[in-house]
Amino acid sequence: MAIFWLRILLVLLIMSITPPRSDGQLEQWCIADEQTSDEELQAALDWACGKGGADCSMIQVNQPCYLPDTVRDHASYAFNNYFQKFKHEGGSCYFRGAAIITEMDPSHSSCLYEFNP
């Protein structure tokens, strides 16, 4: 029982000396909502990569974020790229209800989702 309490105290000590984020901002990424149909995601993806101004070069064939080759994965990358690029200029993570905010980094393998504070 004493070891349990020592572990708890150690965790609390480590947490107390970890410096908080200086800007107080949570890390947030914008990804495709699991409940959105592929058709809606495709329309939002087309807008994001077109008129929206997202950089979708990383989801092209032979690029780091091409795989998995699904509308949902490609839309998530494009939505996040748009969101990170324009969030300080009024851009949102809405995409007609096709996207949601997450605080879990969606990066995988060689595909890195950017985060701009």
PDB file of N, CA and C in Angstrom:
ATOM      1  N   MET A   1       0.820  -1.195   0.000  1.00  0.00           N
ATOM      2  CA  MET A   1       0.000   0.000   0.000  1.00  0.00           C
ATOM      3  C   MET A   1       0.865   1.261   0.000  1.00  0.00           C
ATOM      4  N   ALA A   2       1.977   1.194   0.710  1.00  0.00           N
ATOM      5  CA  ALA A   2       2.867   2.343   0.767  1.00  0.00           C
ATOM      6  C   ALA A   2       3.457   2.641  -0.609  1.00  0.00           C
ATOM      7  N   ILE A   3       3.748   1.593  -1.392  1.00  0.00           N
ATOM      8  CA  ILE A   3       4.294   1.792  -2.733  1.00  0.00           C
ATOM      9  C   ILE A   3       3.272   2.498  -3.616  1.00  0.00           C
ATOM     10  N   PHE A   4       2.010   2.130  -3.467  1.00  0.00           N
ATOM     11  CA  PHE A   4       0.952   2.788  -4.228  1.00  0.00           C
ATOM     12  C   PHE A   4       0.955   4.293  -3.966  1.00  0.00           C
ATOM     13  N   TRP A   5       1.001   4.687  -2.702  1.00  0.00           N
ATOM     14  CA  TRP A   5       0.975   6.105  -2.341  1.00  0.00           C
ATOM     15  C   TRP A   5       2.248   6.819  -2.784  1.00  0.00           C
ATOM     16  N   LEU A   6       3.367   6.136  -2.750  1.00  0.00           N
ATOM     17  CA  LEU A   6       4.606   6.740  -3.243  1.00  0.00           C
ATOM     18  C   LEU A   6       4.514   7.008  -4.740  1.00  0.00           C
ATOM     19  N   ARG A   7       3.908   6.087  -5.466  1.00  0.00           N
ATOM     20  CA  ARG A   7       3.728   6.299  -6.903  1.00  0.00           C
ATOM     21  C   ARG A   7       2.802   7.476  -7.180  1.00  0.00           C
ATOM     22  N   ILE A   8       1.739   7.568  -6.426  1.00  0.00           N
ATOM     23  CA  ILE A   8       0.810   8.693  -6.574  1.00  0.00           C
ATOM     24  C   ILE A   8       1.529  10.011  -6.300  1.00  0.00           C
ATOM     25  N   LEU A   9       2.298  10.057  -5.229  1.00  0.00           N
ATOM     26  CA  LEU A   9       3.051  11.276  -4.892  1.00  0.00           C
ATOM     27  C   LEU A   9       4.065  11.613  -5.974  1.00  0.00           C
ATOM     28  N   LEU A  10       4.711  10.605  -6.536  1.00  0.00           N
ATOM     29  CA  LEU A  10       5.678  10.835  -7.604  1.00  0.00           C
ATOM     30  C   LEU A  10       4.996  11.427  -8.836  1.00  0.00           C
ATOM     31  N   VAL A  11       3.849  10.884  -9.203  1.00  0.00           N
ATOM     32  CA  VAL A  11       3.097  11.418 -10.342  1.00  0.00           C
ATOM     33  C   VAL A  11       2.687  12.860 -10.085  1.00  0.00           C
ATOM     34  N   LEU A  12       2.205  13.142  -8.888  1.00  0.00           N
ATOM     35  CA  LEU A  12       1.808  14.509  -8.556  1.00  0.00           C
ATOM     36  C   LEU A  12       2.996  15.456  -8.573  1.00  0.00           C
ATOM     37  N   LEU A  13       4.125  15.002  -8.114  1.00  0.00           N
ATOM     38  CA  LEU A  13       5.332  15.822  -8.130  1.00  0.00           C
ATOM     39  C   LEU A  13       5.751  16.132  -9.553  1.00  0.00           C
ATOM     40  N   ILE A  14       5.742  15.124 -10.405  1.00  0.00           N
ATOM     41  CA  ILE A  14       6.110  15.338 -11.804  1.00  0.00           C
ATOM     42  C   ILE A  14       5.139  16.301 -12.471  1.00  0.00           C
ATOM     43  N   MET A  15       3.862  16.137 -12.207  1.00  0.00           N
ATOM     44  CA  MET A  15       2.860  17.035 -12.788  1.00  0.00           C
ATOM     45  C   MET A  15       3.045  18.466 -12.299  1.00  0.00           C
ATOM     46  N   SER A  16       3.452  18.632 -11.054  1.00  0.00           N
ATOM     47  CA  SER A  16       3.594  19.979 -10.507  1.00  0.00           C
ATOM     48  C   SER A  16       4.810  20.711 -11.052  1.00  0.00           C
ATOM     49  N   ILE A  17       5.831  19.976 -11.521  1.00  0.00           N
ATOM     50  CA  ILE A  17       7.012  20.653 -12.048  1.00  0.00           C
ATOM     51  C   ILE A  17       7.008  20.749 -13.568  1.00  0.00           C
ATOM     52  N   THR A  18       6.005  20.161 -14.234  1.00  0.00           N
ATOM     53  CA  THR A  18       5.883  20.280 -15.676  1.00  0.00           C
ATOM     54  C   THR A  18       5.351  21.670 -15.985  1.00  0.00           C
ATOM     55  N   PRO A  19       6.091  22.441 -16.763  1.00  0.00           N
ATOM     56  CA  PRO A  19       5.630  23.807 -17.042  1.00  0.00           C
ATOM     57  C   PRO A  19       4.366  23.817 -17.884  1.00  0.00           C
ATOM     58  N   PRO A  20       3.421  24.678 -17.543  1.00  0.00           N
ATOM     59  CA  PRO A  20       2.202  24.774 -18.344  1.00  0.00           C
ATOM     60  C   PRO A  20       2.512  25.444 -19.681  1.00  0.00           C
ATOM     61  N   ARG A  21       1.640  25.227 -20.666  1.00  0.00           N
ATOM     62  CA  ARG A  21       1.802  25.928 -21.945  1.00  0.00           C
ATOM     63  C   ARG A  21       1.696  27.416 -21.688  1.00  0.00           C
ATOM     64  N   SER A  22       2.642  28.152 -22.209  1.00  0.00           N
ATOM     65  CA  SER A  22       2.696  29.581 -21.927  1.00  0.00           C
ATOM     66  C   SER A  22       1.550  30.360 -22.561  1.00  0.00           C
ATOM     67  N   ASP A  23       1.024  29.870 -23.689  1.00  0.00           N
ATOM     68  CA  ASP A  23      -0.049  30.609 -24.344  1.00  0.00           C
ATOM     69  C   ASP A  23      -1.432  30.181 -23.871  1.00  0.00           C
ATOM     70  N   GLY A  24      -1.510  29.118 -23.059  1.00  0.00           N
ATOM     71  CA  GLY A  24      -2.781  28.667 -22.522  1.00  0.00           C
ATOM     72  C   GLY A  24      -3.695  28.046 -23.562  1.00  0.00           C
ATOM     73  N   GLN A  25      -3.200  27.826 -24.769  1.00  0.00           N
ATOM     74  CA  GLN A  25      -4.032  27.296 -25.844  1.00  0.00           C
ATOM     75  C   GLN A  25      -3.903  25.785 -25.922  1.00  0.00           C
ATOM     76  N   LEU A  26      -5.030  25.123 -26.106  1.00  0.00           N
ATOM     77  CA  LEU A  26      -5.031  23.678 -26.302  1.00  0.00           C
ATOM     78  C   LEU A  26      -4.591  23.369 -27.725  1.00  0.00           C
ATOM     79  N   GLU A  27      -3.929  22.251 -27.896  1.00  0.00           N
ATOM     80  CA  GLU A  27      -3.607  21.810 -29.242  1.00  0.00           C
ATOM     81  C   GLU A  27      -4.858  21.189 -29.830  1.00  0.00           C
ATOM     82  N   GLN A  28      -5.252  21.665 -30.998  1.00  0.00           N
ATOM     83  CA  GLN A  28      -6.459  21.173 -31.639  1.00  0.00           C
ATOM     84  C   GLN A  28      -6.211  20.921 -33.113  1.00  0.00           C
ATOM     85  N   TRP A  29      -6.791  19.831 -33.596  1.00  0.00           N
ATOM     86  CA  TRP A  29      -6.736  19.478 -35.002  1.00  0.00           C
ATOM     87  C   TRP A  29      -8.163  19.336 -35.509  1.00  0.00           C
ATOM     88  N   CYS A  30      -8.346  19.494 -36.794  1.00  0.00           N
ATOM     89  CA  CYS A  30      -9.653  19.393 -37.436  1.00  0.00           C
ATOM     90  C   CYS A  30      -9.650  18.133 -38.297  1.00  0.00           C
ATOM     91  N   ILE A  31     -10.604  17.239 -38.048  1.00  0.00           N
ATOM     92  CA  ILE A  31     -10.670  15.983 -38.796  1.00  0.00           C
ATOM     93  C   ILE A  31     -12.092  15.716 -39.271  1.00  0.00           C
ATOM     94  N   ALA A  32     -12.215  14.788 -40.207  1.00  0.00           N
ATOM     95  CA  ALA A  32     -13.527  14.394 -40.720  1.00  0.00           C
ATOM     96  C   ALA A  32     -14.337  13.728 -39.619  1.00  0.00           C
ATOM     97  N   ASP A  33     -15.612  14.066 -39.564  1.00  0.00           N
ATOM     98  CA  ASP A  33     -16.528  13.447 -38.603  1.00  0.00           C
ATOM     99  C   ASP A  33     -16.873  12.051 -39.096  1.00  0.00           C
ATOM    100  N   GLU A  34     -16.742  11.069 -38.221  1.00  0.00           N
ATOM    101  CA  GLU A  34     -17.012   9.663 -38.568  1.00  0.00           C
ATOM    102  C   GLU A  34     -18.444   9.441 -39.055  1.00  0.00           C
ATOM    103  N   GLN A  35     -19.361  10.320 -38.669  1.00  0.00           N
ATOM    104  CA  GLN A  35     -20.772  10.137 -39.013  1.00  0.00           C
ATOM    105  C   GLN A  35     -21.145  10.753 -40.362  1.00  0.00           C
ATOM    106  N   THR A  36     -20.182  11.383 -41.015  1.00  0.00           N
ATOM    107  CA  THR A  36     -20.465  12.040 -42.290  1.00  0.00           C
ATOM    108  C   THR A  36     -20.269  11.062 -43.446  1.00  0.00           C
ATOM    109  N   SER A  37     -21.180  11.109 -44.399  1.00  0.00           N
ATOM    110  CA  SER A  37     -21.100  10.198 -45.549  1.00  0.00           C
ATOM    111  C   SER A  37     -19.904  10.543 -46.441  1.00  0.00           C
ATOM    112  N   ASP A  38     -19.459   9.563 -47.192  1.00  0.00           N
ATOM    113  CA  ASP A  38     -18.342   9.783 -48.123  1.00  0.00           C
ATOM    114  C   ASP A  38     -18.683  10.853 -49.162  1.00  0.00           C
ATOM    115  N   GLU A  39     -19.931  10.916 -49.571  1.00  0.00           N
ATOM    116  CA  GLU A  39     -20.343  11.912 -50.566  1.00  0.00           C
ATOM    117  C   GLU A  39     -20.191  13.329 -50.004  1.00  0.00           C
ATOM    118  N   GLU A  40     -20.634  13.530 -48.769  1.00  0.00           N
ATOM    119  CA  GLU A  40     -20.493  14.843 -48.139  1.00  0.00           C
ATOM    120  C   GLU A  40     -19.025  15.178 -47.897  1.00  0.00           C
ATOM    121  N   LEU A  41     -18.266  14.183 -47.479  1.00  0.00           N
ATOM    122  CA  LEU A  41     -16.833  14.397 -47.258  1.00  0.00           C
ATOM    123  C   LEU A  41     -16.134  14.770 -48.558  1.00  0.00           C
ATOM    124  N   GLN A  42     -16.492  14.097 -49.647  1.00  0.00           N
ATOM    125  CA  GLN A  42     -15.865  14.389 -50.934  1.00  0.00           C
ATOM    126  C   GLN A  42     -16.149  15.818 -51.367  1.00  0.00           C
ATOM    127  N   ALA A  43     -17.389  16.267 -51.180  1.00  0.00           N
ATOM    128  CA  ALA A  43     -17.745  17.643 -51.550  1.00  0.00           C
ATOM    129  C   ALA A  43     -16.943  18.648 -50.712  1.00  0.00           C
ATOM    130  N   ALA A  44     -16.823  18.394 -49.424  1.00  0.00           N
ATOM    131  CA  ALA A  44     -16.068  19.287 -48.545  1.00  0.00           C
ATOM    132  C   ALA A  44     -14.573  19.226 -48.868  1.00  0.00           C
ATOM    133  N   LEU A  45     -14.072  18.044 -49.189  1.00  0.00           N
ATOM    134  CA  LEU A  45     -12.670  17.872 -49.579  1.00  0.00           C
ATOM    135  C   LEU A  45     -12.380  18.645 -50.858  1.00  0.00           C
ATOM    136  N   ASP A  46     -13.268  18.547 -51.830  1.00  0.00           N
ATOM    137  CA  ASP A  46     -13.094  19.276 -53.091  1.00  0.00           C
ATOM    138  C   ASP A  46     -13.037  20.776 -52.834  1.00  0.00           C
ATOM    139  N   TRP A  47     -13.902  21.279 -51.964  1.00  0.00           N
ATOM    140  CA  TRP A  47     -13.889  22.710 -51.649  1.00  0.00           C
ATOM    141  C   TRP A  47     -12.589  23.093 -50.932  1.00  0.00           C
ATOM    142  N   ALA A  48     -12.210  22.307 -49.921  1.00  0.00           N
ATOM    143  CA  ALA A  48     -11.010  22.629 -49.137  1.00  0.00           C
ATOM    144  C   ALA A  48      -9.779  22.698 -50.035  1.00  0.00           C
ATOM    145  N   CYS A  49      -9.641  21.729 -50.931  1.00  0.00           N
ATOM    146  CA  CYS A  49      -8.464  21.675 -51.805  1.00  0.00           C
ATOM    147  C   CYS A  49      -8.565  22.635 -52.981  1.00  0.00           C
ATOM    148  N   GLY A  50      -9.752  23.166 -53.227  1.00  0.00           N
ATOM    149  CA  GLY A  50      -9.962  24.108 -54.326  1.00  0.00           C
ATOM    150  C   GLY A  50     -10.073  25.529 -53.806  1.00  0.00           C
ATOM    151  N   LYS A  51     -11.298  26.030 -53.776  1.00  0.00           N
ATOM    152  CA  LYS A  51     -11.543  27.407 -53.340  1.00  0.00           C
ATOM    153  C   LYS A  51     -11.093  27.682 -51.917  1.00  0.00           C
ATOM    154  N   GLY A  52     -11.083  26.652 -51.072  1.00  0.00           N
ATOM    155  CA  GLY A  52     -10.700  26.839 -49.677  1.00  0.00           C
ATOM    156  C   GLY A  52      -9.235  27.200 -49.485  1.00  0.00           C
ATOM    157  N   GLY A  53      -8.390  26.747 -50.383  1.00  0.00           N
ATOM    158  CA  GLY A  53      -6.975  27.108 -50.304  1.00  0.00           C
ATOM    159  C   GLY A  53      -6.103  26.188 -49.467  1.00  0.00           C
ATOM    160  N   ALA A  54      -6.621  25.015 -49.098  1.00  0.00           N
ATOM    161  CA  ALA A  54      -5.786  24.068 -48.346  1.00  0.00           C
ATOM    162  C   ALA A  54      -4.693  23.520 -49.268  1.00  0.00           C
ATOM    163  N   ASP A  55      -3.555  23.210 -48.695  1.00  0.00           N
ATOM    164  CA  ASP A  55      -2.465  22.584 -49.446  1.00  0.00           C
ATOM    165  C   ASP A  55      -2.683  21.072 -49.385  1.00  0.00           C
ATOM    166  N   CYS A  56      -3.153  20.502 -50.472  1.00  0.00           N
ATOM    167  CA  CYS A  56      -3.486  19.078 -50.511  1.00  0.00           C
ATOM    168  C   CYS A  56      -2.416  18.248 -51.211  1.00  0.00           C
ATOM    169  N   SER A  57      -1.244  18.799 -51.373  1.00  0.00           N
ATOM    170  CA  SER A  57      -0.172  18.083 -52.064  1.00  0.00           C
ATOM    171  C   SER A  57       0.252  16.817 -51.317  1.00  0.00           C
ATOM    172  N   MET A  58       0.131  16.790 -49.992  1.00  0.00           N
ATOM    173  CA  MET A  58       0.580  15.642 -49.206  1.00  0.00           C
ATOM    174  C   MET A  58      -0.358  14.437 -49.306  1.00  0.00           C
ATOM    175  N   ILE A  59      -1.566  14.627 -49.879  1.00  0.00           N
ATOM    176  CA  ILE A  59      -2.493  13.501 -50.019  1.00  0.00           C
ATOM    177  C   ILE A  59      -2.543  12.992 -51.461  1.00  0.00           C
ATOM    178  N   GLN A  60      -1.585  13.432 -52.275  1.00  0.00           N
ATOM    179  CA  GLN A  60      -1.487  12.946 -53.649  1.00  0.00           C
ATOM    180  C   GLN A  60      -0.734  11.612 -53.672  1.00  0.00           C
ATOM    181  N   VAL A  61      -0.876  10.862 -54.748  1.00  0.00           N
ATOM    182  CA  VAL A  61      -0.211   9.562 -54.900  1.00  0.00           C
ATOM    183  C   VAL A  61       1.294   9.705 -54.627  1.00  0.00           C
ATOM    184  N   ASN A  62       1.830   8.738 -53.899  1.00  0.00           N
ATOM    185  CA  ASN A  62       3.254   8.660 -53.531  1.00  0.00           C
ATOM    186  C   ASN A  62       3.705   9.736 -52.542  1.00  0.00           C
ATOM    187  N   GLN A  63       2.781  10.412 -51.899  1.00  0.00           N
ATOM    188  CA  GLN A  63       3.132  11.398 -50.879  1.00  0.00           C
ATOM    189  C   GLN A  63       2.835  10.809 -49.498  1.00  0.00           C
ATOM    190  N   PRO A  64       3.412  11.380 -48.432  1.00  0.00           N
ATOM    191  CA  PRO A  64       3.318  10.781 -47.089  1.00  0.00           C
ATOM    192  C   PRO A  64       1.908  10.558 -46.547  1.00  0.00           C
ATOM    193  N   CYS A  65       0.928  11.331 -46.990  1.00  0.00           N
ATOM    194  CA  CYS A  65      -0.424  11.202 -46.435  1.00  0.00           C
ATOM    195  C   CYS A  65      -1.423  10.610 -47.431  1.00  0.00           C
ATOM    196  N   TYR A  66      -0.923  10.015 -48.506  1.00  0.00           N
ATOM    197  CA  TYR A  66      -1.823   9.395 -49.479  1.00  0.00           C
ATOM    198  C   TYR A  66      -2.498   8.148 -48.895  1.00  0.00           C
ATOM    199  N   LEU A  67      -1.748   7.364 -48.145  1.00  0.00           N
ATOM    200  CA  LEU A  67      -2.299   6.151 -47.532  1.00  0.00           C
ATOM    201  C   LEU A  67      -2.689   6.413 -46.090  1.00  0.00           C
ATOM    202  N   PRO A  68      -3.777   5.887 -45.606  1.00  0.00           N
ATOM    203  CA  PRO A  68      -4.735   5.089 -46.359  1.00  0.00           C
ATOM    204  C   PRO A  68      -5.501   5.944 -47.370  1.00  0.00           C
ATOM    205  N   ASP A  69      -5.740   5.353 -48.514  1.00  0.00           N
ATOM    206  CA  ASP A  69      -6.395   6.040 -49.623  1.00  0.00           C
ATOM    207  C   ASP A  69      -7.912   5.969 -49.462  1.00  0.00           C
ATOM    208  N   THR A  70      -8.419   6.764 -48.503  1.00  0.00           N
ATOM    209  CA  THR A  70      -9.863   6.843 -48.284  1.00  0.00           C
ATOM    210  C   THR A  70     -10.290   8.301 -48.306  1.00  0.00           C
ATOM    211  N   VAL A  71     -11.532   8.529 -48.653  1.00  0.00           N
ATOM    212  CA  VAL A  71     -12.062   9.900 -48.645  1.00  0.00           C
ATOM    213  C   VAL A  71     -11.958  10.476 -47.239  1.00  0.00           C
ATOM    214  N   ARG A  72     -12.273   9.681 -46.236  1.00  0.00           N
ATOM    215  CA  ARG A  72     -12.250  10.152 -44.844  1.00  0.00           C
ATOM    216  C   ARG A  72     -10.849  10.597 -44.427  1.00  0.00           C
ATOM    217  N   ASP A  73      -9.840   9.798 -44.744  1.00  0.00           N
ATOM    218  CA  ASP A  73      -8.471  10.159 -44.367  1.00  0.00           C
ATOM    219  C   ASP A  73      -7.973  11.377 -45.135  1.00  0.00           C
ATOM    220  N   HIS A  74      -8.260  11.418 -46.429  1.00  0.00           N
ATOM    221  CA  HIS A  74      -7.829  12.572 -47.215  1.00  0.00           C
ATOM    222  C   HIS A  74      -8.557  13.838 -46.772  1.00  0.00           C
ATOM    223  N   ALA A  75      -9.845  13.712 -46.478  1.00  0.00           N
ATOM    224  CA  ALA A  75     -10.604  14.872 -45.998  1.00  0.00           C
ATOM    225  C   ALA A  75     -10.053  15.354 -44.664  1.00  0.00           C
ATOM    226  N   SER A  76      -9.731  14.446 -43.772  1.00  0.00           N
ATOM    227  CA  SER A  76      -9.171  14.844 -42.473  1.00  0.00           C
ATOM    228  C   SER A  76      -7.904  15.657 -42.658  1.00  0.00           C
ATOM    229  N   TYR A  77      -7.021  15.202 -43.532  1.00  0.00           N
ATOM    230  CA  TYR A  77      -5.779  15.943 -43.748  1.00  0.00           C
ATOM    231  C   TYR A  77      -6.073  17.328 -44.323  1.00  0.00           C
ATOM    232  N   ALA A  78      -6.926  17.383 -45.338  1.00  0.00           N
ATOM    233  CA  ALA A  78      -7.246  18.658 -45.981  1.00  0.00           C
ATOM    234  C   ALA A  78      -7.959  19.608 -45.014  1.00  0.00           C
ATOM    235  N   PHE A  79      -8.912  19.085 -44.240  1.00  0.00           N
ATOM    236  CA  PHE A  79      -9.629  19.920 -43.275  1.00  0.00           C
ATOM    237  C   PHE A  79      -8.654  20.523 -42.276  1.00  0.00           C
ATOM    238  N   ASN A  80      -7.744  19.702 -41.774  1.00  0.00           N
ATOM    239  CA  ASN A  80      -6.792  20.206 -40.787  1.00  0.00           C
ATOM    240  C   ASN A  80      -5.851  21.229 -41.403  1.00  0.00           C
ATOM    241  N   ASN A  81      -5.401  20.977 -42.621  1.00  0.00           N
ATOM    242  CA  ASN A  81      -4.504  21.932 -43.263  1.00  0.00           C
ATOM    243  C   ASN A  81      -5.191  23.279 -43.410  1.00  0.00           C
ATOM    244  N   TYR A  82      -6.432  23.266 -43.871  1.00  0.00           N
ATOM    245  CA  TYR A  82      -7.206  24.513 -43.993  1.00  0.00           C
ATOM    246  C   TYR A  82      -7.367  25.184 -42.632  1.00  0.00           C
ATOM    247  N   PHE A  83      -7.785  24.412 -41.636  1.00  0.00           N
ATOM    248  CA  PHE A  83      -8.036  24.948 -40.297  1.00  0.00           C
ATOM    249  C   PHE A  83      -6.780  25.590 -39.710  1.00  0.00           C
ATOM    250  N   GLN A  84      -5.653  24.897 -39.788  1.00  0.00           N
ATOM    251  CA  GLN A  84      -4.413  25.442 -39.219  1.00  0.00           C
ATOM    252  C   GLN A  84      -3.970  26.697 -39.970  1.00  0.00           C
ATOM    253  N   LYS A  85      -4.191  26.706 -41.265  1.00  0.00           N
ATOM    254  CA  LYS A  85      -3.765  27.828 -42.113  1.00  0.00           C
ATOM    255  C   LYS A  85      -4.611  29.078 -41.891  1.00  0.00           C
ATOM    256  N   PHE A  86      -5.909  28.891 -41.652  1.00  0.00           N
ATOM    257  CA  PHE A  86      -6.818  30.038 -41.627  1.00  0.00           C
ATOM    258  C   PHE A  86      -7.538  30.277 -40.300  1.00  0.00           C
ATOM    259  N   LYS A  87      -7.258  29.508 -39.262  1.00  0.00           N
ATOM    260  CA  LYS A  87      -8.019  29.651 -38.014  1.00  0.00           C
ATOM    261  C   LYS A  87      -7.854  31.021 -37.364  1.00  0.00           C
ATOM    262  N   HIS A  88      -6.743  31.683 -37.587  1.00  0.00           N
ATOM    263  CA  HIS A  88      -6.537  33.005 -36.992  1.00  0.00           C
ATOM    264  C   HIS A  88      -7.096  34.124 -37.881  1.00  0.00           C
ATOM    265  N   GLU A  89      -7.646  33.739 -39.016  1.00  0.00           N
ATOM    266  CA  GLU A  89      -8.237  34.698 -39.946  1.00  0.00           C
ATOM    267  C   GLU A  89      -9.726  34.447 -40.123  1.00  0.00           C
ATOM    268  N   GLY A  90     -10.330  33.712 -39.197  1.00  0.00           N
ATOM    269  CA  GLY A  90     -11.766  33.450 -39.254  1.00  0.00           C
ATOM    270  C   GLY A  90     -12.131  32.101 -39.851  1.00  0.00           C
ATOM    271  N   GLY A  91     -11.159  31.322 -40.300  1.00  0.00           N
ATOM    272  CA  GLY A  91     -11.454  29.993 -40.833  1.00  0.00           C
ATOM    273  C   GLY A  91     -11.888  29.065 -39.708  1.00  0.00           C
ATOM    274  N   SER A  92     -12.801  28.164 -40.001  1.00  0.00           N
ATOM    275  CA  SER A  92     -13.308  27.269 -38.963  1.00  0.00           C
ATOM    276  C   SER A  92     -13.120  25.809 -39.359  1.00  0.00           C
ATOM    277  N   CYS A  93     -13.548  24.946 -38.475  1.00  0.00           N
ATOM    278  CA  CYS A  93     -13.519  23.500 -38.700  1.00  0.00           C
ATOM    279  C   CYS A  93     -14.953  23.013 -38.838  1.00  0.00           C
ATOM    280  N   TYR A  94     -15.706  23.635 -39.686  1.00  0.00           N
ATOM    281  CA  TYR A  94     -17.113  23.262 -39.809  1.00  0.00           C
ATOM    282  C   TYR A  94     -17.367  22.399 -41.040  1.00  0.00           C
ATOM    283  N   PHE A  95     -17.025  22.901 -42.216  1.00  0.00           N
ATOM    284  CA  PHE A  95     -17.197  22.173 -43.469  1.00  0.00           C
ATOM    285  C   PHE A  95     -18.601  21.580 -43.598  1.00  0.00           C
ATOM    286  N   ARG A  96     -19.592  22.441 -43.346  1.00  0.00           N
ATOM    287  CA  ARG A  96     -21.015  22.045 -43.422  1.00  0.00           C
ATOM    288  C   ARG A  96     -21.319  20.840 -42.542  1.00  0.00           C
ATOM    289  N   GLY A  97     -20.698  20.797 -41.386  1.00  0.00           N
ATOM    290  CA  GLY A  97     -20.945  19.728 -40.429  1.00  0.00           C
ATOM    291  C   GLY A  97     -20.164  18.448 -40.692  1.00  0.00           C
ATOM    292  N   ALA A  98     -19.235  18.478 -41.643  1.00  0.00           N
ATOM    293  CA  ALA A  98     -18.487  17.268 -42.007  1.00  0.00           C
ATOM    294  C   ALA A  98     -17.236  17.062 -41.162  1.00  0.00           C
ATOM    295  N   ALA A  99     -16.891  18.029 -40.311  1.00  0.00           N
ATOM    296  CA  ALA A  99     -15.635  17.946 -39.558  1.00  0.00           C
ATOM    297  C   ALA A  99     -15.863  18.229 -38.077  1.00  0.00           C
ATOM    298  N   ILE A 100     -14.927  17.769 -37.280  1.00  0.00           N
ATOM    299  CA  ILE A 100     -14.959  18.011 -35.840  1.00  0.00           C
ATOM    300  C   ILE A 100     -13.544  18.352 -35.356  1.00  0.00           C
ATOM    301  N   ILE A 101     -13.482  18.984 -34.201  1.00  0.00           N
ATOM    302  CA  ILE A 101     -12.208  19.309 -33.545  1.00  0.00           C
ATOM    303  C   ILE A 101     -11.819  18.132 -32.651  1.00  0.00           C
ATOM    304  N   THR A 102     -10.530  17.812 -32.655  1.00  0.00           N
ATOM    305  CA  THR A 102     -10.005  16.816 -31.729  1.00  0.00           C
ATOM    306  C   THR A 102      -8.751  17.378 -31.057  1.00  0.00           C
ATOM    307  N   GLU A 103      -8.494  16.916 -29.854  1.00  0.00           N
ATOM    308  CA  GLU A 103      -7.283  17.308 -29.147  1.00  0.00           C
ATOM    309  C   GLU A 103      -6.248  16.187 -29.179  1.00  0.00           C
ATOM    310  N   MET A 104      -6.558  15.129 -29.944  1.00  0.00           N
ATOM    311  CA  MET A 104      -5.620  14.020 -30.125  1.00  0.00           C
ATOM    312  C   MET A 104      -4.979  14.158 -31.500  1.00  0.00           C
ATOM    313  N   ASP A 105      -3.676  14.222 -31.527  1.00  0.00           N
ATOM    314  CA  ASP A 105      -2.941  14.389 -32.776  1.00  0.00           C
ATOM    315  C   ASP A 105      -3.268  13.224 -33.726  1.00  0.00           C
ATOM    316  N   PRO A 106      -3.846  13.514 -34.901  1.00  0.00           N
ATOM    317  CA  PRO A 106      -4.216  12.451 -35.838  1.00  0.00           C
ATOM    318  C   PRO A 106      -3.067  11.974 -36.725  1.00  0.00           C
ATOM    319  N   SER A 107      -1.876  12.471 -36.514  1.00  0.00           N
ATOM    320  CA  SER A 107      -0.725  12.053 -37.323  1.00  0.00           C
ATOM    321  C   SER A 107      -0.550  10.543 -37.236  1.00  0.00           C
ATOM    322  N   HIS A 108      -0.054   9.953 -38.312  1.00  0.00           N
ATOM    323  CA  HIS A 108       0.192   8.510 -38.333  1.00  0.00           C
ATOM    324  C   HIS A 108       1.336   8.210 -39.294  1.00  0.00           C
ATOM    325  N   SER A 109       2.115   7.201 -38.979  1.00  0.00           N
ATOM    326  CA  SER A 109       3.303   6.812 -39.747  1.00  0.00           C
ATOM    327  C   SER A 109       4.058   8.046 -40.220  1.00  0.00           C
ATOM    328  N   SER A 110       4.214   8.203 -41.528  1.00  0.00           N
ATOM    329  CA  SER A 110       4.967   9.351 -42.048  1.00  0.00           C
ATOM    330  C   SER A 110       4.073  10.555 -42.326  1.00  0.00           C
ATOM    331  N   CYS A 111       2.805  10.436 -42.028  1.00  0.00           N
ATOM    332  CA  CYS A 111       1.857  11.538 -42.282  1.00  0.00           C
ATOM    333  C   CYS A 111       1.712  12.396 -41.029  1.00  0.00           C
ATOM    334  N   LEU A 112       2.293  13.585 -41.086  1.00  0.00           N
ATOM    335  CA  LEU A 112       2.252  14.492 -39.940  1.00  0.00           C
ATOM    336  C   LEU A 112       1.223  15.589 -40.177  1.00  0.00           C
ATOM    337  N   TYR A 113       0.281  15.695 -39.248  1.00  0.00           N
ATOM    338  CA  TYR A 113      -0.724  16.756 -39.301  1.00  0.00           C
ATOM    339  C   TYR A 113      -0.149  17.963 -38.576  1.00  0.00           C
ATOM    340  N   GLU A 114      -0.127  19.087 -39.239  1.00  0.00           N
ATOM    341  CA  GLU A 114       0.477  20.250 -38.614  1.00  0.00           C
ATOM    342  C   GLU A 114      -0.429  20.840 -37.543  1.00  0.00           C
ATOM    343  N   PHE A 115       0.195  21.512 -36.605  1.00  0.00           N
ATOM    344  CA  PHE A 115      -0.508  22.282 -35.596  1.00  0.00           C
ATOM    345  C   PHE A 115       0.161  23.640 -35.511  1.00  0.00           C
ATOM    346  N   ASN A 116      -0.606  24.688 -35.686  1.00  0.00           N
ATOM    347  CA  ASN A 116      -0.103  26.049 -35.559  1.00  0.00           C
ATOM    348  C   ASN A 116      -0.752  26.693 -34.341  1.00  0.00           C
ATOM    349  N   PRO A 117       0.052  27.086 -33.378  1.00  0.00           N
ATOM    350  CA  PRO A 117      -0.524  27.715 -32.170  1.00  0.00           C
ATOM    351  C   PRO A 117      -1.244  29.015 -32.498  1.00  0.00           C
TER     352      PRO A 117
END
